[in-house]
Amino acid sequence: MPNYNLGRAFGSTCDSLSPVLEVMVAKNSIRVLPNPSDGTCFFSLIDASDRINQIRIMNVLGSEVYFMRGDIKSVDLGCVEPGIYFAEIITRKNVKAILRMIRQ
């Protein structure tokens, strides 16, 4: 029978869970407008005191097509082919969101 209780076995040097940077995933905390878009997309955050610190845009195959760090308010997708993309966004307050974006 499989053991689904993952975690550290006391008295063992093995640990099945590795530490990760604590990032809060918040549903509906970031919106992208317009979506679908023919070029420039703007981001709207529910928390007005927060700012987007990093954005990574990937195609449906998982290949990165765009990456940017800094105080981000918009991105220009005019350089990518029309299709469906996923934007992984991390804010300064460590809120993480993955949004589906459509480039017309």
Foldseek 3Di string as FASTA:
>chain_A
DDDPPAADDPPDPDHPDDDDDDAAEDPPQKDWPPAADQWKIFMDGPPPVKFWAKKWKAAPVRDTDDIDGDRDGMGTPNVDDFDKIWMWIAIPVRYTYIDIGTHD
